[in-house]
C-alpha atoms as a PDB file:
ATOM      1  CA  UNK A   1      10.028   0.209  10.010  1.00  0.00           C
ATOM      2  CA  UNK A   2      10.356  -3.467  11.206  1.00  0.00           C
ATOM      3  CA  UNK A   3      14.244  -3.212  12.010  1.00  0.00           C
ATOM      4  CA  UNK A   4      13.461  -3.627  15.709  1.00  0.00           C
ATOM      5  CA  UNK A   5      12.306  -7.258  14.969  1.00  0.00           C
ATOM      6  CA  UNK A   6      15.876  -8.389  15.015  1.00  0.00           C
ATOM      7  CA  UNK A   7      17.236 -11.331  17.076  1.00  0.00           C
ATOM      8  CA  UNK A   8      19.499  -9.117  18.858  1.00  0.00           C
ATOM      9  CA  UNK A   9      16.544  -6.991  20.522  1.00  0.00           C
ATOM     10  CA  UNK A  10      13.181  -8.500  20.444  1.00  0.00           C
ATOM     11  CA  UNK A  11      14.481 -12.182  20.664  1.00  0.00           C
ATOM     12  CA  UNK A  12      16.229 -11.675  23.873  1.00  0.00           C
ATOM     13  CA  UNK A  13      13.199  -9.913  25.363  1.00  0.00           C
ATOM     14  CA  UNK A  14      10.895 -12.830  24.258  1.00  0.00           C
ATOM     15  CA  UNK A  15      12.914 -15.887  24.924  1.00  0.00           C
ATOM     16  CA  UNK A  16      16.041 -14.528  26.889  1.00  0.00           C
ATOM     17  CA  UNK A  17      19.571 -15.610  26.444  1.00  0.00           C
ATOM     18  CA  UNK A  18      22.343 -14.205  24.000  1.00  0.00           C
ATOM     19  CA  UNK A  19      21.348 -13.348  20.502  1.00  0.00           C
ATOM     20  CA  UNK A  20      24.234 -15.506  18.845  1.00  0.00           C
ATOM     21  CA  UNK A  21      23.371 -18.733  20.938  1.00  0.00           C
ATOM     22  CA  UNK A  22      19.816 -18.035  20.255  1.00  0.00           C
ATOM     23  CA  UNK A  23      20.207 -18.052  16.567  1.00  0.00           C
ATOM     24  CA  UNK A  24      22.309 -21.423  16.916  1.00  0.00           C
ATOM     25  CA  UNK A  25      19.605 -22.940  18.766  1.00  0.00           C
ATOM     26  CA  UNK A  26      16.780 -21.920  16.414  1.00  0.00           C
ATOM     27  CA  UNK A  27      18.543 -23.112  13.359  1.00  0.00           C
ATOM     28  CA  UNK A  28      18.988 -26.602  14.720  1.00  0.00           C
ATOM     29  CA  UNK A  29      15.488 -26.895  16.382  1.00  0.00           C
ATOM     30  CA  UNK A  30      12.916 -26.435  13.606  1.00  0.00           C
ATOM     31  CA  UNK A  31       9.828 -26.537  15.982  1.00  0.00           C
ATOM     32  CA  UNK A  32      11.241 -23.891  18.283  1.00  0.00           C
ATOM     33  CA  UNK A  33      12.433 -21.794  15.418  1.00  0.00           C
ATOM     34  CA  UNK A  34       9.121 -21.818  13.936  1.00  0.00           C
ATOM     35  CA  UNK A  35       7.209 -20.760  17.092  1.00  0.00           C
ATOM     36  CA  UNK A  36       9.951 -17.967  17.839  1.00  0.00           C
ATOM     37  CA  UNK A  37       9.653 -16.641  14.078  1.00  0.00           C
ATOM     38  CA  UNK A  38       5.861 -16.480  14.328  1.00  0.00           C
ATOM     39  CA  UNK A  39       6.099 -14.620  17.640  1.00  0.00           C
ATOM     40  CA  UNK A  40       8.595 -12.332  16.025  1.00  0.00           C
ATOM     41  CA  UNK A  41       6.257 -11.464  13.066  1.00  0.00           C
ATOM     42  CA  UNK A  42       3.499 -10.753  15.553  1.00  0.00           C
ATOM     43  CA  UNK A  43       5.625  -8.640  17.687  1.00  0.00           C
ATOM     44  CA  UNK A  44       6.799 -11.200  20.359  1.00  0.00           C
ATOM     45  CA  UNK A  45       3.499 -10.912  22.450  1.00  0.00           C
ATOM     46  CA  UNK A  46      -0.125 -10.346  22.286  1.00  0.00           C
ATOM     47  CA  UNK A  47      -1.986  -7.076  22.203  1.00  0.00           C
ATOM     48  CA  UNK A  48      -2.172  -5.279  25.512  1.00  0.00           C
ATOM     49  CA  UNK A  49      -5.068  -6.269  27.601  1.00  0.00           C
ATOM     50  CA  UNK A  50      -8.281  -4.234  27.127  1.00  0.00           C
ATOM     51  CA  UNK A  51      -9.119  -2.581  30.653  1.00  0.00           C
ATOM     52  CA  UNK A  52     -12.566  -1.268  31.317  1.00  0.00           C
ATOM     53  CA  UNK A  53     -13.238  -1.031  27.660  1.00  0.00           C
ATOM     54  CA  UNK A  54     -10.256   1.216  26.929  1.00  0.00           C
ATOM     55  CA  UNK A  55      -7.579   0.628  24.426  1.00  0.00           C
ATOM     56  CA  UNK A  56      -4.118   2.212  25.376  1.00  0.00           C
ATOM     57  CA  UNK A  57      -3.200   4.424  22.250  1.00  0.00           C
ATOM     58  CA  UNK A  58       0.502   4.025  22.328  1.00  0.00           C
ATOM     59  CA  UNK A  59       0.501   0.293  22.849  1.00  0.00           C
ATOM     60  CA  UNK A  60      -1.950  -0.141  20.250  1.00  0.00           C
ATOM     61  CA  UNK A  61       0.131   1.913  17.805  1.00  0.00           C
ATOM     62  CA  UNK A  62       3.128  -0.262  18.617  1.00  0.00           C
ATOM     63  CA  UNK A  63       1.617  -3.572  18.450  1.00  0.00           C
ATOM     64  CA  UNK A  64      -0.562  -3.047  15.126  1.00  0.00           C
ATOM     65  CA  UNK A  65       2.575  -2.356  13.137  1.00  0.00           C
ATOM     66  CA  UNK A  66       3.581  -5.819  13.540  1.00  0.00           C
ATOM     67  CA  UNK A  67       0.466  -7.063  11.693  1.00  0.00           C
ATOM     68  CA  UNK A  68       1.385  -5.317   8.325  1.00  0.00           C
ATOM     69  CA  UNK A  69       3.829  -8.024   7.023  1.00  0.00           C
ATOM     70  CA  UNK A  70       0.953 -10.712   7.259  1.00  0.00           C
ATOM     71  CA  UNK A  71      -0.610  -8.889   4.484  1.00  0.00           C
ATOM     72  CA  UNK A  72       2.589  -9.585   2.171  1.00  0.00           C
ATOM     73  CA  UNK A  73       1.797 -13.178   2.607  1.00  0.00           C
ATOM     74  CA  UNK A  74      -1.527 -12.726   0.699  1.00  0.00           C
ATOM     75  CA  UNK A  75       0.265 -11.558  -2.571  1.00  0.00           C
ATOM     76  CA  UNK A  76       0.573  -8.327  -4.112  1.00  0.00           C
ATOM     77  CA  UNK A  77      -2.898  -7.951  -5.673  1.00  0.00           C
ATOM     78  CA  UNK A  78      -4.555  -8.192  -2.224  1.00  0.00           C
ATOM     79  CA  UNK A  79      -1.905  -6.818   0.096  1.00  0.00           C
ATOM     80  CA  UNK A  80      -1.204  -3.718  -2.208  1.00  0.00           C
ATOM     81  CA  UNK A  81      -4.425  -1.644  -1.649  1.00  0.00           C
ATOM     82  CA  UNK A  82      -5.142  -2.876   1.977  1.00  0.00           C
ATOM     83  CA  UNK A  83      -1.404  -2.730   3.351  1.00  0.00           C
ATOM     84  CA  UNK A  84      -0.955   0.857   1.944  1.00  0.00           C
ATOM     85  CA  UNK A  85      -4.358   1.918   3.442  1.00  0.00           C
ATOM     86  CA  UNK A  86      -3.489   0.293   6.761  1.00  0.00           C
ATOM     87  CA  UNK A  87       0.018   1.828   6.837  1.00  0.00           C
ATOM     88  CA  UNK A  88      -1.173   5.238   5.876  1.00  0.00           C
ATOM     89  CA  UNK A  89      -3.912   5.249   8.494  1.00  0.00           C
ATOM     90  CA  UNK A  90      -1.387   4.136  11.269  1.00  0.00           C
ATOM     91  CA  UNK A  91       0.841   6.891  10.136  1.00  0.00           C
ATOM     92  CA  UNK A  92      -1.998   9.343  10.493  1.00  0.00           C
ATOM     93  CA  UNK A  93      -2.857   8.281  13.852  1.00  0.00           C
ATOM     94  CA  UNK A  94       0.689   8.196  15.122  1.00  0.00           C
ATOM     95  CA  UNK A  95       1.023  11.805  14.022  1.00  0.00           C
ATOM     96  CA  UNK A  96      -2.130  12.807  16.019  1.00  0.00           C
ATOM     97  CA  UNK A  97      -0.957  10.889  19.065  1.00  0.00           C
ATOM     98  CA  UNK A  98       2.569  12.381  18.880  1.00  0.00           C
ATOM     99  CA  UNK A  99       1.028  16.051  18.829  1.00  0.00           C
ATOM    100  CA  UNK A 100      -1.235  15.288  21.536  1.00  0.00           C
ATOM    101  CA  UNK A 101       0.150  12.337  23.640  1.00  0.00           C
ATOM    102  CA  UNK A 102      -1.579  13.442  26.866  1.00  0.00           C
ATOM    103  CA  UNK A 103      -4.834  13.951  25.232  1.00  0.00           C
ATOM    104  CA  UNK A 104      -4.695  10.764  23.191  1.00  0.00           C
ATOM    105  CA  UNK A 105      -3.720   8.274  25.992  1.00  0.00           C
ATOM    106  CA  UNK A 106      -6.461   5.940  24.927  1.00  0.00           C
ATOM    107  CA  UNK A 107      -8.526   5.454  21.701  1.00  0.00           C
ATOM    108  CA  UNK A 108     -11.648   7.094  23.468  1.00  0.00           C
ATOM    109  CA  UNK A 109      -9.565   9.978  24.656  1.00  0.00           C
ATOM    110  CA  UNK A 110      -8.350  10.731  21.084  1.00  0.00           C
ATOM    111  CA  UNK A 111     -11.824  10.609  19.589  1.00  0.00           C
ATOM    112  CA  UNK A 112     -12.971  12.990  22.443  1.00  0.00           C
ATOM    113  CA  UNK A 113     -10.046  15.341  21.684  1.00  0.00           C
ATOM    114  CA  UNK A 114     -10.680  15.533  18.007  1.00  0.00           C
ATOM    115  CA  UNK A 115     -14.494  16.159  18.762  1.00  0.00           C
ATOM    116  CA  UNK A 116     -13.591  19.152  21.217  1.00  0.00           C
ATOM    117  CA  UNK A 117     -10.727  20.520  18.952  1.00  0.00           C
ATOM    118  CA  UNK A 118     -12.363  19.972  15.488  1.00  0.00           C
ATOM    119  CA  UNK A 119     -16.297  20.181  16.129  1.00  0.00           C
ATOM    120  CA  UNK A 120     -17.011  21.364  12.651  1.00  0.00           C
ATOM    121  CA  UNK A 121     -15.162  18.650  10.935  1.00  0.00           C
ATOM    122  CA  UNK A 122     -15.780  15.788  13.454  1.00  0.00           C
ATOM    123  CA  UNK A 123     -16.144  12.803  13.123  1.00  0.00           C
ATOM    124  CA  UNK A 124     -14.266  13.453   9.919  1.00  0.00           C
ATOM    125  CA  UNK A 125     -11.305  14.619  11.798  1.00  0.00           C
ATOM    126  CA  UNK A 126      -8.113  12.966  10.781  1.00  0.00           C
ATOM    127  CA  UNK A 127      -7.392  10.491  13.577  1.00  0.00           C
ATOM    128  CA  UNK A 128     -10.915   9.595  13.878  1.00  0.00           C
ATOM    129  CA  UNK A 129     -11.336   8.623  10.152  1.00  0.00           C
ATOM    130  CA  UNK A 130      -7.823   7.036  10.222  1.00  0.00           C
ATOM    131  CA  UNK A 131      -8.829   4.843  12.904  1.00  0.00           C
ATOM    132  CA  UNK A 132     -12.241   4.074  11.351  1.00  0.00           C
ATOM    133  CA  UNK A 133     -10.598   2.670   8.169  1.00  0.00           C
ATOM    134  CA  UNK A 134      -7.743   1.150  10.029  1.00  0.00           C
ATOM    135  CA  UNK A 135      -9.986  -0.962  12.160  1.00  0.00           C
ATOM    136  CA  UNK A 136     -11.877  -2.148   9.149  1.00  0.00           C
ATOM    137  CA  UNK A 137      -8.568  -3.274   7.495  1.00  0.00           C
ATOM    138  CA  UNK A 138      -7.498  -4.980  10.693  1.00  0.00           C
ATOM    139  CA  UNK A 139     -10.836  -6.622  11.125  1.00  0.00           C
ATOM    140  CA  UNK A 140     -10.309  -8.256   7.660  1.00  0.00           C
ATOM    141  CA  UNK A 141      -6.922  -9.677   8.853  1.00  0.00           C
ATOM    142  CA  UNK A 142      -8.399 -10.740  12.139  1.00  0.00           C
ATOM    143  CA  UNK A 143     -11.420 -12.613  10.494  1.00  0.00           C
ATOM    144  CA  UNK A 144      -9.029 -14.342   7.949  1.00  0.00           C
ATOM    145  CA  UNK A 145      -6.690 -15.397  10.598  1.00  0.00           C
ATOM    146  CA  UNK A 146      -9.610 -16.675  12.819  1.00  0.00           C
ATOM    147  CA  UNK A 147     -10.891 -18.726   9.961  1.00  0.00           C
ATOM    148  CA  UNK A 148      -7.411 -20.073   9.183  1.00  0.00           C
ATOM    149  CA  UNK A 149      -6.987 -21.391  12.744  1.00  0.00           C
ATOM    150  CA  UNK A 150     -10.538 -22.672  13.121  1.00  0.00           C
ATOM    151  CA  UNK A 151     -10.012 -24.651   9.793  1.00  0.00           C
ATOM    152  CA  UNK A 152      -6.744 -26.148  11.230  1.00  0.00           C
ATOM    153  CA  UNK A 153      -4.217 -27.876   9.377  1.00  0.00           C
ATOM    154  CA  UNK A 154      -4.869 -28.753   5.731  1.00  0.00           C
ATOM    155  CA  UNK A 155      -2.772 -30.754   3.241  1.00  0.00           C
ATOM    156  CA  UNK A 156       0.464 -30.013   4.861  1.00  0.00           C
ATOM    157  CA  UNK A 157       3.606 -30.658   2.804  1.00  0.00           C
ATOM    158  CA  UNK A 158       1.841 -30.768  -0.499  1.00  0.00           C
ATOM    159  CA  UNK A 159       3.222 -28.581  -3.399  1.00  0.00           C
ATOM    160  CA  UNK A 160       1.311 -25.209  -4.193  1.00  0.00           C
ATOM    161  CA  UNK A 161       0.337 -26.872  -7.699  1.00  0.00           C
ATOM    162  CA  UNK A 162      -1.357 -29.743  -5.950  1.00  0.00           C
ATOM    163  CA  UNK A 163      -3.134 -27.369  -3.667  1.00  0.00           C
ATOM    164  CA  UNK A 164      -4.501 -25.541  -6.744  1.00  0.00           C
ATOM    165  CA  UNK A 165      -6.036 -28.662  -8.035  1.00  0.00           C
ATOM    166  CA  UNK A 166      -7.810 -29.283  -4.850  1.00  0.00           C
ATOM    167  CA  UNK A 167     -10.477 -27.331  -3.186  1.00  0.00           C
ATOM    168  CA  UNK A 168      -8.525 -25.090  -1.106  1.00  0.00           C
ATOM    169  CA  UNK A 169     -10.554 -23.049   1.430  1.00  0.00           C
ATOM    170  CA  UNK A 170      -8.342 -19.953   1.677  1.00  0.00           C
ATOM    171  CA  UNK A 171      -9.810 -17.786  -1.066  1.00  0.00           C
ATOM    172  CA  UNK A 172     -13.275 -18.499   0.316  1.00  0.00           C
ATOM    173  CA  UNK A 173     -11.966 -17.538   3.797  1.00  0.00           C
ATOM    174  CA  UNK A 174     -10.543 -14.157   2.443  1.00  0.00           C
ATOM    175  CA  UNK A 175     -13.669 -13.484   0.479  1.00  0.00           C
ATOM    176  CA  UNK A 176     -15.933 -14.120   3.676  1.00  0.00           C
ATOM    177  CA  UNK A 177     -13.545 -11.693   5.794  1.00  0.00           C
ATOM    178  CA  UNK A 178     -13.577  -9.149   2.978  1.00  0.00           C
ATOM    179  CA  UNK A 179     -17.456  -9.306   2.762  1.00  0.00           C
ATOM    180  CA  UNK A 180     -17.907  -8.639   6.544  1.00  0.00           C
ATOM    181  CA  UNK A 181     -15.020  -6.108   6.988  1.00  0.00           C
ATOM    182  CA  UNK A 182     -14.520  -4.145   4.016  1.00  0.00           C
ATOM    183  CA  UNK A 183     -16.937  -4.742   1.182  1.00  0.00           C
ATOM    184  CA  UNK A 184     -19.986  -2.793   2.929  1.00  0.00           C
ATOM    185  CA  UNK A 185     -17.765   0.406   2.930  1.00  0.00           C
ATOM    186  CA  UNK A 186     -16.534  -0.056  -0.654  1.00  0.00           C
ATOM    187  CA  UNK A 187     -18.082   1.649  -3.779  1.00  0.00           C
ATOM    188  CA  UNK A 188     -18.930  -0.785  -6.683  1.00  0.00           C
ATOM    189  CA  UNK A 189     -15.569  -0.236  -8.532  1.00  0.00           C
ATOM    190  CA  UNK A 190     -13.494  -0.982  -5.564  1.00  0.00           C
ATOM    191  CA  UNK A 191     -15.637  -4.011  -4.824  1.00  0.00           C
ATOM    192  CA  UNK A 192     -14.865  -5.344  -8.338  1.00  0.00           C
ATOM    193  CA  UNK A 193     -11.197  -4.766  -7.864  1.00  0.00           C
ATOM    194  CA  UNK A 194     -11.174  -6.770  -4.787  1.00  0.00           C
ATOM    195  CA  UNK A 195     -13.351  -9.623  -6.288  1.00  0.00           C
ATOM    196  CA  UNK A 196     -10.671 -10.162  -8.787  1.00  0.00           C
ATOM    197  CA  UNK A 197      -7.673  -9.532  -6.473  1.00  0.00           C
ATOM    198  CA  UNK A 198      -9.171 -12.240  -4.156  1.00  0.00           C
ATOM    199  CA  UNK A 199      -8.926 -14.952  -6.937  1.00  0.00           C
ATOM    200  CA  UNK A 200      -5.058 -14.511  -6.869  1.00  0.00           C
ATOM    201  CA  UNK A 201      -5.033 -15.568  -3.017  1.00  0.00           C
ATOM    202  CA  UNK A 202      -2.308 -18.257  -2.381  1.00  0.00           C
ATOM    203  CA  UNK A 203      -3.479 -21.571  -1.122  1.00  0.00           C
ATOM    204  CA  UNK A 204      -3.614 -22.293   2.564  1.00  0.00           C
ATOM    205  CA  UNK A 205      -0.362 -24.068   2.443  1.00  0.00           C
ATOM    206  CA  UNK A 206       1.050 -21.223   0.292  1.00  0.00           C
ATOM    207  CA  UNK A 207       0.068 -18.591   2.990  1.00  0.00           C
ATOM    208  CA  UNK A 208       1.491 -20.474   5.929  1.00  0.00           C
ATOM    209  CA  UNK A 209       4.650 -20.993   4.083  1.00  0.00           C
ATOM    210  CA  UNK A 210       4.807 -17.284   3.246  1.00  0.00           C
ATOM    211  CA  UNK A 211       4.145 -16.592   6.957  1.00  0.00           C
ATOM    212  CA  UNK A 212       6.973 -18.625   7.927  1.00  0.00           C
ATOM    213  CA  UNK A 213       9.309 -17.201   5.380  1.00  0.00           C
ATOM    214  CA  UNK A 214       8.756 -13.651   6.104  1.00  0.00           C
ATOM    215  CA  UNK A 215       8.845 -14.142   9.926  1.00  0.00           C
ATOM    216  CA  UNK A 216      12.179 -15.974   9.613  1.00  0.00           C
ATOM    217  CA  UNK A 217      13.451 -13.001   7.645  1.00  0.00           C
ATOM    218  CA  UNK A 218      12.225 -10.749  10.312  1.00  0.00           C
ATOM    219  CA  UNK A 219      14.170 -12.856  12.942  1.00  0.00           C
ATOM    220  CA  UNK A 220      17.187 -12.720  10.688  1.00  0.00           C
ATOM    221  CA  UNK A 221      17.255 -16.524  10.303  1.00  0.00           C
ATOM    222  CA  UNK A 222      18.014 -18.544   7.233  1.00  0.00           C
ATOM    223  CA  UNK A 223      14.900 -19.506   5.222  1.00  0.00           C
ATOM    224  CA  UNK A 224      13.855 -22.992   4.674  1.00  0.00           C
ATOM    225  CA  UNK A 225      12.627 -23.631   0.992  1.00  0.00           C
ATOM    226  CA  UNK A 226      11.459 -27.118   1.686  1.00  0.00           C
ATOM    227  CA  UNK A 227       7.603 -27.684   1.826  1.00  0.00           C
ATOM    228  CA  UNK A 228       5.946 -26.973   5.029  1.00  0.00           C
ATOM    229  CA  UNK A 229       5.508 -30.000   7.340  1.00  0.00           C
ATOM    230  CA  UNK A 230       2.673 -30.817   9.322  1.00  0.00           C
ATOM    231  CA  UNK A 231       4.351 -29.890  12.595  1.00  0.00           C
ATOM    232  CA  UNK A 232       5.379 -26.671  11.161  1.00  0.00           C
ATOM    233  CA  UNK A 233       1.845 -25.900  10.251  1.00  0.00           C
ATOM    234  CA  UNK A 234       0.605 -26.659  13.643  1.00  0.00           C
ATOM    235  CA  UNK A 235       3.279 -24.652  15.340  1.00  0.00           C
ATOM    236  CA  UNK A 236       2.383 -21.516  13.106  1.00  0.00           C
ATOM    237  CA  UNK A 237      -1.390 -21.952  13.871  1.00  0.00           C
ATOM    238  CA  UNK A 238      -0.615 -22.299  17.681  1.00  0.00           C
ATOM    239  CA  UNK A 239       1.142 -19.013  17.675  1.00  0.00           C
ATOM    240  CA  UNK A 240      -1.725 -17.402  15.701  1.00  0.00           C
ATOM    241  CA  UNK A 241      -4.295 -18.880  18.107  1.00  0.00           C
ATOM    242  CA  UNK A 242      -2.231 -17.468  20.999  1.00  0.00           C
ATOM    243  CA  UNK A 243      -2.226 -14.068  19.413  1.00  0.00           C
ATOM    244  CA  UNK A 244      -5.912 -13.850  18.303  1.00  0.00           C
ATOM    245  CA  UNK A 245      -7.953 -13.389  21.523  1.00  0.00           C
ATOM    246  CA  UNK A 246      -6.130 -10.120  22.381  1.00  0.00           C
ATOM    247  CA  UNK A 247      -6.320  -8.841  18.819  1.00  0.00           C
ATOM    248  CA  UNK A 248      -9.944  -9.682  18.627  1.00  0.00           C
ATOM    249  CA  UNK A 249     -10.746  -8.053  21.951  1.00  0.00           C
ATOM    250  CA  UNK A 250      -8.882  -4.731  20.979  1.00  0.00           C
ATOM    251  CA  UNK A 251     -10.842  -4.647  17.704  1.00  0.00           C
ATOM    252  CA  UNK A 252     -14.075  -5.127  19.616  1.00  0.00           C
ATOM    253  CA  UNK A 253     -13.346  -2.594  22.137  1.00  0.00           C
ATOM    254  CA  UNK A 254     -12.571  -0.016  19.400  1.00  0.00           C
ATOM    255  CA  UNK A 255     -15.921  -1.023  17.644  1.00  0.00           C
ATOM    256  CA  UNK A 256     -17.674  -0.578  20.948  1.00  0.00           C
ATOM    257  CA  UNK A 257     -16.088   2.988  21.334  1.00  0.00           C
ATOM    258  CA  UNK A 258     -17.084   4.192  17.871  1.00  0.00           C
ATOM    259  CA  UNK A 259     -20.795   2.679  18.682  1.00  0.00           C
ATOM    260  CA  UNK A 260     -20.870   4.599  22.147  1.00  0.00           C
ATOM    261  CA  UNK A 261     -19.994   7.879  20.295  1.00  0.00           C
ATOM    262  CA  UNK A 262     -22.444   7.337  17.464  1.00  0.00           C
ATOM    263  CA  UNK A 263     -19.812   7.110  14.772  1.00  0.00           C
ATOM    264  CA  UNK A 264     -20.475   4.789  11.725  1.00  0.00           C
ATOM    265  CA  UNK A 265     -18.500   1.620  11.841  1.00  0.00           C
END
C-alpha cells in the first residue's frame, strides 16, 4: 500500500534533486533526514485545503492512507483494532468513489449520492457509515498528535526503561483522545478492551522514536538505533505541527457536513 513512499518518487517531488544524491545527503545530515522522513510518513505535504467547507474525495483518500503507519507506533494492542478498522473503512470509501467518481467528487457529494441511491438504507449506506467510523478513528489520531505537539519535547534521549519510571504523559494523552473520539461510540466490552490496551502505550520518547524509525523505513533510509536526541524530537514535532492544521480542518469540515445532513457524529 505504501510502496509509493519511496525516495525515488515522493522524495524528488517534495525536495527535488536526484534520488541517489538525496539519500547520500540525508544519511549525512541527521536534522534534514528527520524532517524529510517525517514528511514522507505524512505524505510529503499537508491535507488539501478545505474550500467552502467541501472536502475533495480523491485527495482525501490519497492523503489519509499516509496516516495509517502512525498507528503502528502505538504498539499492536492499540494499533491492531484501530488500524484494521481505519484501513477497512478507507477501502470501503475508495470502492464507492471508484464506482461513482463523478457523483462523489466531495464528501458531501458522496453522502448525497448515497441518500439518493439508497434511501431505505441511508444513512447506514456503505460509504456513509464507513466515513462515519473513519473520521472517528482519524479524530483519535489527530487529538493524540495535537496533545503531543502541545506538550513539546519531553525527556529526550532517555532510555525507555527510565521513561517508564517517570510520569510519562503519553498514556494520559491517548486515553483523553480515546475518550473524546471513540469511547462514546463503543459498547462496554470494547471500552474495556481499549482501557487495557491503552495501558500498553509506549512512552512519549518511545512513540517519537518509533515514528522516526518507521518513517525512515518508508523513505528507504537506514534506521538509527541510537536514543532520540533533543534536536530529533524537535524536528519530528515541527513536522507534525506543520501537518496538523490541515488535518484538523479536514476532519472539522467532515464533522460539519454530517451535522448539516443530520447524521449522528
